[in-house]
N, C-alpha and C. Protein backbone atom coordinates (compact mmCIF):
# COMPACT_ATOMS: atom_id res chain seq x y z
N ASP A 1 109.86 104.57 93.69
CA ASP A 1 109.57 103.64 94.77
C ASP A 1 109.05 104.42 95.98
N HIS A 2 107.96 103.94 96.54
CA HIS A 2 107.30 104.63 97.65
C HIS A 2 108.21 104.76 98.87
N LEU A 3 108.92 103.70 99.20
CA LEU A 3 109.81 103.72 100.36
C LEU A 3 110.90 104.77 100.20
N GLN A 4 111.46 104.89 99.01
CA GLN A 4 112.49 105.89 98.76
C GLN A 4 111.94 107.30 98.96
N LYS A 5 110.71 107.54 98.54
CA LYS A 5 110.08 108.86 98.72
C LYS A 5 109.90 109.17 100.20
N VAL A 6 109.44 108.19 100.95
CA VAL A 6 109.21 108.40 102.39
C VAL A 6 110.54 108.67 103.09
N LEU A 7 111.54 107.85 102.82
CA LEU A 7 112.84 108.04 103.46
C LEU A 7 113.47 109.37 103.04
N GLY A 8 113.28 109.76 101.78
CA GLY A 8 113.78 111.04 101.30
C GLY A 8 113.10 112.21 102.00
N ALA A 9 111.79 112.12 102.20
CA ALA A 9 111.05 113.18 102.89
C ALA A 9 111.50 113.28 104.35
N LEU A 10 111.75 112.16 104.98
CA LEU A 10 112.25 112.18 106.36
C LEU A 10 113.61 112.88 106.42
N GLU A 11 114.48 112.52 105.50
CA GLU A 11 115.82 113.11 105.48
C GLU A 11 115.76 114.62 105.21
N GLN A 12 114.92 115.04 104.28
CA GLN A 12 114.79 116.47 103.96
C GLN A 12 114.33 117.27 105.17
N ASN A 13 113.56 116.65 106.02
CA ASN A 13 113.04 117.33 107.20
C ASN A 13 113.85 117.02 108.45
N GLN A 14 115.05 116.50 108.23
CA GLN A 14 116.00 116.20 109.30
C GLN A 14 115.42 115.28 110.37
N LEU A 15 114.63 114.30 109.93
CA LEU A 15 114.07 113.30 110.83
C LEU A 15 114.84 112.00 110.64
N LYS A 16 114.97 111.25 111.70
CA LYS A 16 115.73 110.01 111.64
C LYS A 16 114.83 108.83 111.96
N VAL A 17 115.21 107.67 111.46
CA VAL A 17 114.47 106.43 111.67
C VAL A 17 115.36 105.49 112.46
N ASN A 18 114.80 104.87 113.50
CA ASN A 18 115.54 103.88 114.27
C ASN A 18 115.35 102.52 113.60
N LYS A 19 116.42 101.99 112.99
CA LYS A 19 116.32 100.73 112.24
C LYS A 19 115.83 99.58 113.11
N LYS A 20 116.17 99.59 114.39
CA LYS A 20 115.75 98.50 115.29
C LYS A 20 114.23 98.49 115.49
N LYS A 21 113.59 99.63 115.32
CA LYS A 21 112.15 99.74 115.55
C LYS A 21 111.35 99.68 114.26
N CYS A 22 112.02 99.52 113.13
CA CYS A 22 111.34 99.53 111.83
C CYS A 22 111.26 98.13 111.24
N SER A 23 110.19 97.88 110.53
CA SER A 23 110.08 96.66 109.74
C SER A 23 109.32 97.01 108.46
N PHE A 24 109.91 96.68 107.34
CA PHE A 24 109.34 97.04 106.05
C PHE A 24 108.92 95.78 105.30
N GLY A 25 107.90 95.89 104.49
CA GLY A 25 107.45 94.78 103.66
C GLY A 25 106.71 93.69 104.43
N GLN A 26 106.17 94.03 105.58
CA GLN A 26 105.44 93.05 106.39
C GLN A 26 104.02 92.90 105.87
N LEU A 27 103.51 91.68 105.89
CA LEU A 27 102.13 91.45 105.47
C LEU A 27 101.15 91.72 106.62
N ASN A 28 101.63 91.57 107.85
CA ASN A 28 100.79 91.90 109.00
C ASN A 28 101.66 92.43 110.12
N LEU A 29 101.02 93.05 111.08
CA LEU A 29 101.72 93.73 112.16
C LEU A 29 100.96 93.51 113.45
N GLU A 30 101.66 93.14 114.51
CA GLU A 30 101.04 93.00 115.82
C GLU A 30 101.26 94.30 116.57
N TYR A 31 100.17 94.92 117.03
CA TYR A 31 100.26 96.23 117.67
C TYR A 31 99.17 96.35 118.73
N LEU A 32 99.57 96.59 119.96
CA LEU A 32 98.65 96.80 121.07
C LEU A 32 97.57 95.72 121.17
N GLY A 33 97.99 94.48 121.02
CA GLY A 33 97.06 93.36 121.18
C GLY A 33 96.17 93.11 119.98
N HIS A 34 96.47 93.73 118.85
CA HIS A 34 95.70 93.53 117.63
C HIS A 34 96.64 93.12 116.51
N ILE A 35 96.09 92.42 115.54
CA ILE A 35 96.85 92.06 114.35
C ILE A 35 96.29 92.88 113.20
N ILE A 36 97.15 93.66 112.58
CA ILE A 36 96.72 94.55 111.50
C ILE A 36 97.27 93.99 110.20
N SER A 37 96.37 93.75 109.25
CA SER A 37 96.77 93.31 107.91
C SER A 37 95.82 94.01 106.94
N ALA A 38 95.05 93.27 106.18
CA ALA A 38 94.05 93.90 105.31
C ALA A 38 92.94 94.51 106.17
N GLY A 39 92.81 94.03 107.39
CA GLY A 39 91.85 94.54 108.36
C GLY A 39 92.50 94.50 109.73
N VAL A 40 91.69 94.62 110.76
CA VAL A 40 92.20 94.59 112.13
C VAL A 40 91.49 93.46 112.87
N ALA A 41 92.26 92.64 113.58
CA ALA A 41 91.70 91.55 114.36
C ALA A 41 92.39 91.51 115.72
N THR A 42 91.68 91.02 116.71
CA THR A 42 92.27 90.85 118.04
C THR A 42 93.24 89.68 118.00
N ASP A 43 94.38 89.84 118.63
CA ASP A 43 95.38 88.79 118.69
C ASP A 43 94.79 87.58 119.41
N PRO A 44 94.79 86.39 118.78
CA PRO A 44 94.22 85.20 119.42
C PRO A 44 94.85 84.88 120.78
N LYS A 45 96.11 85.22 120.97
CA LYS A 45 96.76 84.98 122.26
C LYS A 45 96.09 85.81 123.36
N LYS A 46 95.65 87.00 123.03
CA LYS A 46 94.97 87.86 124.01
C LYS A 46 93.60 87.30 124.34
N LEU A 47 92.90 86.79 123.34
CA LEU A 47 91.58 86.20 123.58
C LEU A 47 91.70 84.95 124.44
N GLU A 48 92.72 84.15 124.17
CA GLU A 48 92.93 82.93 124.94
C GLU A 48 93.15 83.25 126.42
N ALA A 49 93.90 84.30 126.69
CA ALA A 49 94.17 84.70 128.07
C ALA A 49 92.89 85.11 128.79
N MET A 50 91.93 85.66 128.06
CA MET A 50 90.67 86.08 128.67
C MET A 50 89.86 84.88 129.15
N TRP A 51 89.99 83.75 128.47
CA TRP A 51 89.17 82.58 128.78
C TRP A 51 89.81 81.66 129.80
N LEU A 52 91.01 81.95 130.23
CA LEU A 52 91.68 81.10 131.23
C LEU A 52 91.28 81.46 132.63
């Protein structure tokens, strides 16, 4: 499993993950005013604010 490999590599290198800041298995992600999924798109809420 890919996630197990990533978490194992983090542990081997004495790195920690903050569970509150992590989300796994998401189909899309909102980041810096963009929505990232199969591609990148501007968040419609940000565009709406520009037109007000």
